[in-house]
Amino acid sequence: MKMTRIITAPVSEAAARERITTFLTQSGYKQSPPDGGQLKFRRGSMLAAYANVNPAAWLSSLNFTISAEPNWVKIYIDAEITTDPTEQRFGAELLTGELSLLESAVTINEFKIYDINGLKKNVTAYVYRVARISGSILISVIAGVALGQALSKKTDVTIFGSALIGGVTSLAMAALFLIFWSRKKQA
C-alpha cells in the first residue's frame, strides 16, 4: 500500500533532515544511503509482512525529497507498507499515524512515537478471529464428511444422500460455531 504526503515547515533543510532522522530512528527505521539528496528509511521485512502480527515488523519504506527555501522547507514523502492483503487497513492506520507524528516532529520539534501496542492488539485479535472462524468451518466440513461416509457404509443411503446429509450437517455445525463465537465476543 502506498501513501504520499507533503509537509511544509518553517525550518531550515538541515533542521528538517535532523528531525526526520531522529524521529524515524526512534521509531525503529534504519536509514539507507542517500540517493541524489533523498532521505530513505526502511523498517521490517517482507517475510514479516505476511507472517507477523507485529505491525512494526512489516516492511515499511519512506522516501523523502526536500525542497528548501531560506526560511522553510517543503518535504515530499512517498511511503509504502507491505502487509497481508487482509490487514491493509491496519497498515494504513500505522502509516497515517506515524506520518502525522512525523509532521509534528518536523514542524514544531515535538517527538512522540506512535503507540504500536494498541494497533498490535487489534491485529492480533483480528488474526485470531479469522483463525477461529476458519477452524470452525474446517471442523464442520470434516465432521460432515465423516458423518456422510458413516451413513453410506452403515445404511442403504446412496452416496448422494449421504453427501447431502454431510453437507447439511457441516452447515449446521458452522452456524452453531459462528453463533458461539459471536456470543463469546459480545460477552
C-alpha atoms as a PDB file:
ATOM      1  CA  MET A   1       0.000   0.000   0.000  1.00  0.00           C
ATOM      2  CA  LYS A   2       1.364   3.377  -0.982  1.00  0.00           C
ATOM      3  CA  MET A   3       0.745   6.780   0.514  1.00  0.00           C
ATOM      4  CA  THR A   4       2.085  10.245  -0.223  1.00  0.00           C
ATOM      5  CA  ARG A   5       2.211  13.304   1.968  1.00  0.00           C
ATOM      6  CA  ILE A   6       3.599  16.824   1.690  1.00  0.00           C
ATOM      7  CA  ILE A   7       4.793  18.670   4.774  1.00  0.00           C
ATOM      8  CA  THR A   8       5.597  22.373   4.802  1.00  0.00           C
ATOM      9  CA  ALA A   9       7.579  23.579   7.801  1.00  0.00           C
ATOM     10  CA  PRO A  10       9.178  26.851   8.893  1.00  0.00           C
ATOM     11  CA  VAL A  11      12.624  25.312   9.460  1.00  0.00           C
ATOM     12  CA  SER A  12      15.903  25.011   7.615  1.00  0.00           C
ATOM     13  CA  GLU A  13      16.699  21.975   5.470  1.00  0.00           C
ATOM     14  CA  ALA A  14      19.372  20.827   7.922  1.00  0.00           C
ATOM     15  CA  ALA A  15      16.927  21.014  10.856  1.00  0.00           C
ATOM     16  CA  ALA A  16      14.269  19.146   8.856  1.00  0.00           C
ATOM     17  CA  ARG A  17      16.716  16.372   7.922  1.00  0.00           C
ATOM     18  CA  GLU A  18      17.893  16.068  11.528  1.00  0.00           C
ATOM     19  CA  ARG A  19      14.324  15.896  12.879  1.00  0.00           C
ATOM     20  CA  ILE A  20      13.239  13.346  10.270  1.00  0.00           C
ATOM     21  CA  THR A  21      16.243  11.161  11.035  1.00  0.00           C
ATOM     22  CA  THR A  22      15.774  11.417  14.807  1.00  0.00           C
ATOM     23  CA  PHE A  23      12.059  10.637  14.673  1.00  0.00           C
ATOM     24  CA  LEU A  24      12.369   7.677  12.328  1.00  0.00           C
ATOM     25  CA  THR A  25      15.371   6.213  14.148  1.00  0.00           C
ATOM     26  CA  GLN A  26      13.387   6.345  17.403  1.00  0.00           C
ATOM     27  CA  SER A  27      10.513   4.619  15.571  1.00  0.00           C
ATOM     28  CA  GLY A  28      12.737   1.698  14.568  1.00  0.00           C
ATOM     29  CA  TYR A  29      13.580   2.686  10.990  1.00  0.00           C
ATOM     30  CA  LYS A  30      17.040   2.269   9.512  1.00  0.00           C
ATOM     31  CA  GLN A  31      18.432   4.885   7.171  1.00  0.00           C
ATOM     32  CA  SER A  32      19.541   3.790   3.712  1.00  0.00           C
ATOM     33  CA  PRO A  33      22.425   5.528   1.938  1.00  0.00           C
ATOM     34  CA  PRO A  34      21.275   8.841   0.423  1.00  0.00           C
ATOM     35  CA  ASP A  35      20.371   8.740  -3.244  1.00  0.00           C
ATOM     36  CA  GLY A  36      20.643  12.087  -5.033  1.00  0.00           C
ATOM     37  CA  GLY A  37      19.979  14.055  -1.865  1.00  0.00           C
ATOM     38  CA  GLN A  38      16.916  11.987  -0.930  1.00  0.00           C
ATOM     39  CA  LEU A  39      16.473  10.577   2.550  1.00  0.00           C
ATOM     40  CA  LYS A  40      15.445   6.916   2.602  1.00  0.00           C
ATOM     41  CA  PHE A  41      14.356   4.839   5.565  1.00  0.00           C
ATOM     42  CA  ARG A  42      13.215   1.259   5.946  1.00  0.00           C
ATOM     43  CA  ARG A  43      11.846  -0.941   8.700  1.00  0.00           C
ATOM     44  CA  GLY A  44      10.767  -4.584   8.835  1.00  0.00           C
ATOM     45  CA  SER A  45      10.940  -7.365   6.276  1.00  0.00           C
ATOM     46  CA  MET A  46       8.883  -8.916   3.502  1.00  0.00           C
ATOM     47  CA  LEU A  47       8.572 -12.203   5.411  1.00  0.00           C
ATOM     48  CA  ALA A  48       7.183 -10.422   8.473  1.00  0.00           C
ATOM     49  CA  ALA A  49       4.660  -8.611   6.287  1.00  0.00           C
ATOM     50  CA  TYR A  50       2.899 -11.910   5.700  1.00  0.00           C
ATOM     51  CA  ALA A  51       3.762 -13.893   8.826  1.00  0.00           C
ATOM     52  CA  ASN A  52       3.808 -11.480  11.758  1.00  0.00           C
ATOM     53  CA  VAL A  53       1.090  -9.757  13.781  1.00  0.00           C
ATOM     54  CA  ASN A  54       3.508  -7.056  14.936  1.00  0.00           C
ATOM     55  CA  PRO A  55       2.979  -4.022  12.662  1.00  0.00           C
ATOM     56  CA  ALA A  56       6.469  -2.732  13.499  1.00  0.00           C
ATOM     57  CA  ALA A  57       7.905  -5.786  11.726  1.00  0.00           C
ATOM     58  CA  TRP A  58       6.002  -5.217   8.472  1.00  0.00           C
ATOM     59  CA  LEU A  59       8.084  -3.939   5.580  1.00  0.00           C
ATOM     60  CA  SER A  60       7.809  -0.136   5.505  1.00  0.00           C
ATOM     61  CA  SER A  61       9.795   2.314   3.434  1.00  0.00           C
ATOM     62  CA  LEU A  62       9.789   6.097   3.460  1.00  0.00           C
ATOM     63  CA  ASN A  63      11.464   8.234   0.801  1.00  0.00           C
ATOM     64  CA  PHE A  64      11.863  11.979   1.312  1.00  0.00           C
ATOM     65  CA  THR A  65      12.563  14.700  -1.214  1.00  0.00           C
ATOM     66  CA  ILE A  66      13.179  18.087   0.388  1.00  0.00           C
ATOM     67  CA  SER A  67      12.736  21.394  -1.387  1.00  0.00           C
ATOM     68  CA  ALA A  68      14.256  24.240   0.645  1.00  0.00           C
ATOM     69  CA  GLU A  69      13.797  27.999   0.724  1.00  0.00           C
ATOM     70  CA  PRO A  70      15.604  30.351   3.139  1.00  0.00           C
ATOM     71  CA  ASN A  71      13.045  30.104   5.983  1.00  0.00           C
ATOM     72  CA  TRP A  72      11.016  27.000   5.211  1.00  0.00           C
ATOM     73  CA  VAL A  73      11.056  23.566   3.604  1.00  0.00           C
ATOM     74  CA  LYS A  74       8.612  21.522   1.592  1.00  0.00           C
ATOM     75  CA  ILE A  75       9.005  17.804   2.221  1.00  0.00           C
ATOM     76  CA  TYR A  76       7.576  15.251  -0.210  1.00  0.00           C
ATOM     77  CA  ILE A  77       7.090  11.844   1.356  1.00  0.00           C
ATOM     78  CA  ASP A  78       6.497   8.627  -0.561  1.00  0.00           C
ATOM     79  CA  ALA A  79       5.539   5.945   1.947  1.00  0.00           C
ATOM     80  CA  GLU A  80       4.885   2.278   1.330  1.00  0.00           C
ATOM     81  CA  ILE A  81       3.954  -0.557   3.647  1.00  0.00           C
ATOM     82  CA  THR A  82       3.645  -4.219   2.721  1.00  0.00           C
ATOM     83  CA  THR A  83       1.074  -6.228   4.640  1.00  0.00           C
ATOM     84  CA  ASP A  84      -1.047  -9.274   4.202  1.00  0.00           C
ATOM     85  CA  PRO A  85      -3.889  -8.160   1.895  1.00  0.00           C
ATOM     86  CA  THR A  86      -6.434  -8.707   4.670  1.00  0.00           C
ATOM     87  CA  GLU A  87      -4.509  -6.381   7.012  1.00  0.00           C
ATOM     88  CA  GLN A  88      -4.146  -3.353   4.734  1.00  0.00           C
ATOM     89  CA  ARG A  89      -6.414  -1.202   6.891  1.00  0.00           C
ATOM     90  CA  PHE A  90      -4.013  -1.728   9.791  1.00  0.00           C
ATOM     91  CA  GLY A  91      -1.101  -0.763   7.548  1.00  0.00           C
ATOM     92  CA  ALA A  92      -2.919   2.413   6.522  1.00  0.00           C
ATOM     93  CA  GLU A  93      -3.617   3.234  10.162  1.00  0.00           C
ATOM     94  CA  LEU A  94       0.055   2.749  11.053  1.00  0.00           C
ATOM     95  CA  LEU A  95       1.383   4.893   8.201  1.00  0.00           C
ATOM     96  CA  THR A  96      -1.175   7.646   8.787  1.00  0.00           C
ATOM     97  CA  GLY A  97      -0.382   7.778  12.498  1.00  0.00           C
ATOM     98  CA  GLU A  98       3.365   7.773  12.022  1.00  0.00           C
ATOM     99  CA  LEU A  99       3.280  10.416   9.290  1.00  0.00           C
ATOM    100  CA  SER A 100       1.114  12.692  11.451  1.00  0.00           C
ATOM    101  CA  LEU A 101       3.562  12.393  14.333  1.00  0.00           C
ATOM    102  CA  LEU A 102       6.476  12.911  11.926  1.00  0.00           C
ATOM    103  CA  GLU A 103       4.835  16.147  10.775  1.00  0.00           C
ATOM    104  CA  SER A 104       4.676  17.334  14.406  1.00  0.00           C
ATOM    105  CA  ALA A 105       8.320  16.406  14.882  1.00  0.00           C
ATOM    106  CA  VAL A 106       9.404  18.378  11.819  1.00  0.00           C
ATOM    107  CA  THR A 107       7.166  21.430  12.201  1.00  0.00           C
ATOM    108  CA  ILE A 108       7.134  22.020  15.971  1.00  0.00           C
ATOM    109  CA  ASN A 109      10.006  19.809  17.164  1.00  0.00           C
ATOM    110  CA  GLU A 110       7.648  17.585  19.209  1.00  0.00           C
ATOM    111  CA  PHE A 111       8.763  13.963  19.265  1.00  0.00           C
ATOM    112  CA  LYS A 112       6.061  11.458  20.159  1.00  0.00           C
ATOM    113  CA  ILE A 113       6.355   7.882  18.979  1.00  0.00           C
ATOM    114  CA  TYR A 114       3.295   6.109  17.584  1.00  0.00           C
ATOM    115  CA  ASP A 115       1.862   3.684  20.150  1.00  0.00           C
ATOM    116  CA  ILE A 116       2.047   0.497  18.157  1.00  0.00           C
ATOM    117  CA  ASN A 117       0.841  -1.704  21.041  1.00  0.00           C
ATOM    118  CA  GLY A 118      -2.817  -0.741  20.558  1.00  0.00           C
ATOM    119  CA  LEU A 119      -2.598  -1.492  16.844  1.00  0.00           C
ATOM    120  CA  LYS A 120      -0.770  -4.747  17.572  1.00  0.00           C
ATOM    121  CA  LYS A 121      -3.633  -5.862  19.860  1.00  0.00           C
ATOM    122  CA  ASN A 122      -6.177  -5.101  17.123  1.00  0.00           C
ATOM    123  CA  VAL A 123      -4.178  -7.043  14.515  1.00  0.00           C
ATOM    124  CA  THR A 124      -3.747  -9.999  16.886  1.00  0.00           C
ATOM    125  CA  ALA A 125      -7.475 -10.065  17.708  1.00  0.00           C
ATOM    126  CA  TYR A 126      -8.311  -9.932  14.007  1.00  0.00           C
ATOM    127  CA  VAL A 127      -5.936 -12.806  13.153  1.00  0.00           C
ATOM    128  CA  TYR A 128      -7.291 -14.971  15.983  1.00  0.00           C
ATOM    129  CA  ARG A 129     -10.881 -14.253  14.916  1.00  0.00           C
ATOM    130  CA  VAL A 130     -10.110 -15.320  11.341  1.00  0.00           C
ATOM    131  CA  ALA A 131      -8.314 -18.446  12.615  1.00  0.00           C
ATOM    132  CA  ARG A 132     -11.248 -19.388  14.864  1.00  0.00           C
ATOM    133  CA  ILE A 133     -13.778 -18.966  12.077  1.00  0.00           C
ATOM    134  CA  SER A 134     -11.611 -20.904   9.600  1.00  0.00           C
ATOM    135  CA  GLY A 135     -11.021 -23.639  12.159  1.00  0.00           C
ATOM    136  CA  SER A 136     -14.727 -23.868  12.914  1.00  0.00           C
ATOM    137  CA  ILE A 137     -15.584 -24.245   9.253  1.00  0.00           C
ATOM    138  CA  LEU A 138     -12.839 -26.845   8.746  1.00  0.00           C
ATOM    139  CA  ILE A 139     -14.038 -28.897  11.734  1.00  0.00           C
ATOM    140  CA  SER A 140     -17.607 -28.642  10.445  1.00  0.00           C
ATOM    141  CA  VAL A 141     -16.622 -29.906   6.993  1.00  0.00           C
ATOM    142  CA  ILE A 142     -14.592 -32.804   8.419  1.00  0.00           C
ATOM    143  CA  ALA A 143     -17.441 -33.807  10.741  1.00  0.00           C
ATOM    144  CA  GLY A 144     -19.976 -33.575   7.915  1.00  0.00           C
ATOM    145  CA  VAL A 145     -17.858 -35.688   5.564  1.00  0.00           C
ATOM    146  CA  ALA A 146     -17.245 -38.280   8.297  1.00  0.00           C
ATOM    147  CA  LEU A 147     -20.973 -38.460   9.078  1.00  0.00           C
ATOM    148  CA  GLY A 148     -21.821 -38.799   5.381  1.00  0.00           C
ATOM    149  CA  GLN A 149     -19.267 -41.598   4.940  1.00  0.00           C
ATOM    150  CA  ALA A 150     -20.501 -43.416   8.041  1.00  0.00           C
ATOM    151  CA  LEU A 151     -24.097 -43.207   6.850  1.00  0.00           C
ATOM    152  CA  SER A 152     -23.294 -44.544   3.388  1.00  0.00           C
ATOM    153  CA  LYS A 153     -21.438 -47.556   4.858  1.00  0.00           C
ATOM    154  CA  LYS A 154     -23.866 -48.404   7.688  1.00  0.00           C
ATOM    155  CA  THR A 155     -27.163 -47.807   5.903  1.00  0.00           C
ATOM    156  CA  ASP A 156     -28.536 -48.152   2.440  1.00  0.00           C
ATOM    157  CA  VAL A 157     -28.431 -44.365   1.905  1.00  0.00           C
ATOM    158  CA  THR A 158     -26.979 -43.512  -1.506  1.00  0.00           C
ATOM    159  CA  ILE A 159     -23.727 -41.604  -1.895  1.00  0.00           C
ATOM    160  CA  PHE A 160     -25.723 -38.545  -2.971  1.00  0.00           C
ATOM    161  CA  GLY A 161     -27.944 -38.816   0.103  1.00  0.00           C
ATOM    162  CA  SER A 162     -25.002 -39.192   2.447  1.00  0.00           C
ATOM    163  CA  ALA A 163     -23.244 -36.233   0.808  1.00  0.00           C
ATOM    164  CA  LEU A 164     -26.397 -34.173   1.250  1.00  0.00           C
ATOM    165  CA  ILE A 165     -26.683 -35.168   4.919  1.00  0.00           C
ATOM    166  CA  GLY A 166     -22.964 -34.435   5.425  1.00  0.00           C
ATOM    167  CA  GLY A 167     -23.336 -31.016   3.757  1.00  0.00           C
ATOM    168  CA  VAL A 168     -26.344 -30.072   5.871  1.00  0.00           C
ATOM    169  CA  THR A 169     -24.505 -31.235   8.987  1.00  0.00           C
ATOM    170  CA  SER A 170     -21.484 -29.137   8.013  1.00  0.00           C
ATOM    171  CA  LEU A 171     -23.605 -26.025   7.524  1.00  0.00           C
ATOM    172  CA  ALA A 172     -25.465 -26.589  10.797  1.00  0.00           C
ATOM    173  CA  MET A 173     -22.218 -27.048  12.740  1.00  0.00           C
ATOM    174  CA  ALA A 174     -20.645 -23.983  11.090  1.00  0.00           C
ATOM    175  CA  ALA A 175     -23.717 -21.922  12.029  1.00  0.00           C
ATOM    176  CA  LEU A 176     -23.512 -23.152  15.619  1.00  0.00           C
ATOM    177  CA  PHE A 177     -19.798 -22.334  15.820  1.00  0.00           C
ATOM    178  CA  LEU A 178     -20.406 -18.838  14.438  1.00  0.00           C
ATOM    179  CA  ILE A 179     -23.240 -18.237  16.919  1.00  0.00           C
ATOM    180  CA  PHE A 180     -20.985 -19.468  19.733  1.00  0.00           C
ATOM    181  CA  TRP A 181     -18.095 -17.187  18.694  1.00  0.00           C
ATOM    182  CA  SER A 182     -20.306 -14.132  18.237  1.00  0.00           C
ATOM    183  CA  ARG A 183     -21.857 -14.605  21.701  1.00  0.00           C
ATOM    184  CA  LYS A 184     -18.444 -15.140  23.240  1.00  0.00           C
ATOM    185  CA  LYS A 185     -17.191 -11.954  21.555  1.00  0.00           C
ATOM    186  CA  GLN A 186     -20.155  -9.926  22.907  1.00  0.00           C
ATOM    187  CA  ALA A 187     -19.613 -11.190  26.462  1.00  0.00           C
END
